[in-house]
């Protein structure tokens, strides 16, 4: 559902943003760019774990689909079509 997709996107962006800020600050203090990358990658892994599987919290508002139409209408449409005539050039 659309509300679940919006929630997943907000969680994903929030975790990435927070981990990037923490990673930058920690990397700046320790003067190690590698720690910044590790912290951002850990935040990415955590956000993927929380947002990629179809958790029940993302499926609270299911979409209502249209009912299935009868197959007889397709046969009628095919019979109503006029055959195409090809002209020679």
Protein backbone atom coordinates (compact mmCIF):
# COMPACT_ATOMS: atom_id res chain seq x y z
CA UNK A 1 0.00 0.00 0.00
CA UNK A 2 1.05 3.59 -0.54
CA UNK A 3 1.15 4.57 3.12
CA UNK A 4 3.44 1.62 3.84
CA UNK A 5 5.74 2.64 0.99
CA UNK A 6 5.88 6.18 2.35
CA UNK A 7 6.71 4.90 5.84
CA UNK A 8 9.44 2.61 4.49
CA UNK A 9 10.96 5.49 2.51
CA UNK A 10 10.94 7.78 5.56
CA UNK A 11 12.57 5.12 7.74
CA UNK A 12 15.19 4.41 5.06
CA UNK A 13 16.08 8.08 4.59
CA UNK A 14 16.12 8.77 8.33
CA UNK A 15 18.50 5.91 9.11
CA UNK A 16 20.82 6.84 6.24
CA UNK A 17 20.86 10.49 7.30
CA UNK A 18 21.51 9.73 10.97
CA UNK A 19 24.25 7.21 10.18
CA UNK A 20 25.89 9.64 7.76
CA UNK A 21 25.96 12.40 10.39
CA UNK A 22 27.26 10.06 13.11
CA UNK A 23 29.80 8.57 10.70
CA UNK A 24 31.04 11.98 9.61
CA UNK A 25 31.41 13.24 13.18
CA UNK A 26 33.14 10.06 14.38
CA UNK A 27 35.40 9.97 11.32
CA UNK A 28 36.29 13.63 11.81
CA UNK A 29 37.14 13.13 15.49
CA UNK A 30 39.27 10.03 14.87
CA UNK A 31 40.63 11.42 11.56
CA UNK A 32 39.80 8.11 9.88
CA UNK A 33 37.63 8.26 6.76
CA UNK A 34 37.28 4.49 6.88
CA UNK A 35 35.15 4.69 10.03
CA UNK A 36 32.81 7.08 8.26
CA UNK A 37 32.35 4.60 5.45
CA UNK A 38 31.85 1.68 7.86
CA UNK A 39 29.20 3.53 9.87
CA UNK A 40 27.31 4.62 6.75
CA UNK A 41 27.44 1.05 5.38
CA UNK A 42 26.13 -0.28 8.71
CA UNK A 43 23.28 2.25 8.56
CA UNK A 44 22.53 1.17 5.00
CA UNK A 45 22.45 -2.50 6.03
CA UNK A 46 20.16 -1.72 8.99
CA UNK A 47 17.81 0.33 6.83
CA UNK A 48 17.66 -2.46 4.22
CA UNK A 49 16.85 -4.97 6.95
CA UNK A 50 14.03 -2.78 8.23
CA UNK A 51 12.52 -1.67 4.91
CA UNK A 52 13.03 -4.35 2.24
CA UNK A 53 11.12 -7.32 3.72
CA UNK A 54 7.32 -7.01 3.63
CA UNK A 55 6.85 -6.43 7.36
CA UNK A 56 3.23 -6.26 8.64
CA UNK A 57 3.65 -2.59 9.59
CA UNK A 58 3.91 -1.77 5.86
CA UNK A 59 0.75 -3.71 4.93
CA UNK A 60 -1.85 -2.08 7.16
CA UNK A 61 -3.76 -0.36 4.34
CA UNK A 62 -4.20 -2.87 1.50
CA UNK A 63 -5.36 -1.68 -1.91
CA UNK A 64 -8.82 -2.62 -3.14
CA UNK A 65 -8.57 -4.22 -6.57
CA UNK A 66 -11.27 -4.25 -9.22
CA UNK A 67 -13.23 -7.48 -9.60
CA UNK A 68 -12.23 -9.92 -12.33
CA UNK A 69 -14.13 -9.44 -15.60
CA UNK A 70 -15.71 -12.32 -17.48
CA UNK A 71 -13.71 -13.93 -20.26
CA UNK A 72 -16.69 -13.86 -22.66
CA UNK A 73 -16.20 -10.13 -23.27
CA UNK A 74 -12.75 -10.76 -24.75
CA UNK A 75 -14.19 -13.21 -27.27
CA UNK A 76 -16.85 -10.70 -28.30
CA UNK A 77 -14.25 -8.00 -28.81
CA UNK A 78 -12.18 -10.28 -31.03
CA UNK A 79 -15.24 -11.17 -33.15
CA UNK A 80 -16.25 -7.51 -33.56
CA UNK A 81 -12.94 -6.54 -35.12
CA UNK A 82 -12.84 -6.04 -38.85
CA UNK A 83 -10.11 -7.86 -40.73
CA UNK A 84 -7.35 -5.58 -42.00
CA UNK A 85 -6.76 -5.39 -45.71
CA UNK A 86 -3.26 -4.92 -46.94
CA UNK A 87 -2.65 -2.88 -50.05
CA UNK A 88 0.19 -3.49 -52.41
CA UNK A 89 2.47 -0.55 -53.08
